[in-house]
C-alpha atoms as a PDB file:
ATOM      1  CA  MET A   1      -0.244  -0.022   0.472  1.00  0.00           C
ATOM      2  CA  ARG A   2       1.242   3.460  -0.606  1.00  0.00           C
ATOM      3  CA  TRP A   3       0.113   5.776   1.974  1.00  0.00           C
ATOM      4  CA  GLN A   4       1.422   8.470   0.636  1.00  0.00           C
ATOM      5  CA  ASP A   5      -2.493   7.702  -1.712  1.00  0.00           C
ATOM      6  CA  HIS A   6      -3.991   8.617   1.255  1.00  0.00           C
ATOM      7  CA  ILE A   7      -2.642  10.377   3.712  1.00  0.00           C
ATOM      8  CA  HIS A   8      -0.960  14.136   3.530  1.00  0.00           C
ATOM      9  CA  SER A   9       0.512  17.181   5.080  1.00  0.00           C
ATOM     10  CA  ASP A  10      -0.311  20.759   4.457  1.00  0.00           C
ATOM     11  CA  ALA A  11       0.488  23.750   6.961  1.00  0.00           C
ATOM     12  CA  ALA A  12      -2.739  25.399   6.708  1.00  0.00           C
ATOM     13  CA  VAL A  13      -4.455  22.102   8.133  1.00  0.00           C
ATOM     14  CA  LEU A  14      -3.851  21.270  11.834  1.00  0.00           C
ATOM     15  CA  ALA A  15      -1.088  22.863  11.892  1.00  0.00           C
ATOM     16  CA  GLY A  16       0.484  20.348   9.354  1.00  0.00           C
ATOM     17  CA  LYS A  17      -0.093  17.448  10.881  1.00  0.00           C
ATOM     18  CA  PRO A  18      -0.425  13.777   8.566  1.00  0.00           C
ATOM     19  CA  VAL A  19      -3.572  13.586   8.035  1.00  0.00           C
ATOM     20  CA  VAL A  20      -6.317  11.643   5.781  1.00  0.00           C
ATOM     21  CA  ARG A  21      -6.919  13.844   2.089  1.00  0.00           C
ATOM     22  CA  GLY A  22      -9.638  15.447   1.748  1.00  0.00           C
ATOM     23  CA  THR A  23     -10.204  15.189   5.902  1.00  0.00           C
ATOM     24  CA  ARG A  24      -9.597  17.025   9.165  1.00  0.00           C
ATOM     25  CA  LEU A  25      -8.409  13.396  10.348  1.00  0.00           C
ATOM     26  CA  SER A  26      -4.830  13.234  11.709  1.00  0.00           C
ATOM     27  CA  VAL A  27      -3.536  10.143  11.642  1.00  0.00           C
ATOM     28  CA  GLU A  28      -2.189  11.048  15.815  1.00  0.00           C
ATOM     29  CA  PHE A  29      -5.789  10.885  16.118  1.00  0.00           C
ATOM     30  CA  LEU A  30      -7.188   8.044  14.383  1.00  0.00           C
ATOM     31  CA  LEU A  31      -4.047   5.615  15.890  1.00  0.00           C
ATOM     32  CA  GLY A  32      -5.080   7.473  19.177  1.00  0.00           C
ATOM     33  CA  LEU A  33      -9.616   5.422  18.804  1.00  0.00           C
ATOM     34  CA  MET A  34      -7.306   2.355  18.103  1.00  0.00           C
ATOM     35  CA  ALA A  35      -5.057   2.909  21.157  1.00  0.00           C
ATOM     36  CA  GLU A  36      -8.889   2.875  22.899  1.00  0.00           C
ATOM     37  CA  GLY A  37     -10.311  -0.231  22.092  1.00  0.00           C
ATOM     38  CA  TRP A  38     -12.115   1.508  18.797  1.00  0.00           C
ATOM     39  CA  THR A  39     -12.307  -1.478  15.720  1.00  0.00           C
ATOM     40  CA  GLU A  40     -12.262  -0.606  12.084  1.00  0.00           C
ATOM     41  CA  PRO A  41     -15.891  -0.623  11.585  1.00  0.00           C
ATOM     42  CA  GLU A  42     -16.488   1.525  14.999  1.00  0.00           C
ATOM     43  CA  ILE A  43     -14.377   4.425  12.522  1.00  0.00           C
ATOM     44  CA  LEU A  44     -15.200   4.087   9.652  1.00  0.00           C
ATOM     45  CA  GLU A  45     -19.125   4.000  11.026  1.00  0.00           C
ATOM     46  CA  ASN A  46     -18.460   7.362  13.213  1.00  0.00           C
ATOM     47  CA  TYR A  47     -16.282   8.802  10.467  1.00  0.00           C
ATOM     48  CA  PRO A  48     -18.086   8.037   6.986  1.00  0.00           C
ATOM     49  CA  GLN A  49     -15.339  10.079   5.047  1.00  0.00           C
ATOM     50  CA  LEU A  50     -12.891   7.264   5.856  1.00  0.00           C
ATOM     51  CA  SER A  51     -12.119   4.415   3.648  1.00  0.00           C
ATOM     52  CA  PRO A  52     -11.033   1.035   4.652  1.00  0.00           C
ATOM     53  CA  ASN A  53      -8.090   1.381   2.769  1.00  0.00           C
ATOM     54  CA  ALA A  54      -7.306   5.032   4.056  1.00  0.00           C
ATOM     55  CA  LEU A  55      -7.343   4.111   7.296  1.00  0.00           C
ATOM     56  CA  ARG A  56      -5.155   0.895   6.250  1.00  0.00           C
ATOM     57  CA  ALA A  57      -3.000   4.162   4.752  1.00  0.00           C
ATOM     58  CA  VAL A  58      -2.958   5.177   8.902  1.00  0.00           C
ATOM     59  CA  PHE A  59      -1.094   2.236   9.625  1.00  0.00           C
ATOM     60  CA  ALA A  60       1.474   2.141   7.021  1.00  0.00           C
ATOM     61  CA  PHE A  61       1.917   5.863   7.376  1.00  0.00           C
ATOM     62  CA  ALA A  62       2.843   4.556  10.916  1.00  0.00           C
ATOM     63  CA  ALA A  63       4.655   1.831  10.247  1.00  0.00           C
ATOM     64  CA  GLU A  64       7.280   4.000   8.095  1.00  0.00           C
ATOM     65  CA  CYS A  65       7.824   6.329  10.803  1.00  0.00           C
ATOM     66  CA  ALA A  66       8.227   3.717  13.754  1.00  0.00           C
ATOM     67  CA  GLY A  67      10.952   1.774  11.537  1.00  0.00           C
ATOM     68  CA  ASP A  68      12.177   5.558  11.344  1.00  0.00           C
ATOM     69  CA  GLU A  69      13.174   6.365  14.324  1.00  0.00           C
ATOM     70  CA  LEU A  70      14.671   5.333  17.475  1.00  0.00           C
ATOM     71  CA  VAL A  71      12.280   3.676  20.031  1.00  0.00           C
ATOM     72  CA  HIS A  72      13.595   4.039  24.101  1.00  0.00           C
ATOM     73  CA  ALA A  73      11.778   2.007  26.338  1.00  0.00           C
ATOM     74  CA  VAL A  74       9.623   4.072  29.199  1.00  0.00           C
ATOM     75  CA  GLY A  75      11.061   4.519  32.811  1.00  0.00           C
ATOM     76  CA  ASP A  76      14.447   2.511  31.981  1.00  0.00           C
ATOM     77  CA  GLY A  77      15.673   4.641  28.594  1.00  0.00           C
ATOM     78  CA  ALA A  78      17.123   1.607  26.996  1.00  0.00           C
ATOM     79  CA  THR A  79      17.192   2.154  23.231  1.00  0.00           C
ATOM     80  CA  ARG A  80      15.533  -0.961  20.968  1.00  0.00           C
END
């Protein structure tokens, strides 16, 4: 999946945070919903402007970003 087809940044929208194209729904917000326990069907029902592919693009974008960053363990200062 090419997340670039669904996710973009624009300084005029949410201070440049990555959002789903055509919406003001940020990657951060959508990942937060999933972290809170929302399911894909719940997100798509509550935000009908999203497509299943756009939601998958959020994860593809996050996976690529996570691969580019050092991850620090909470509490012990170790780098993994």
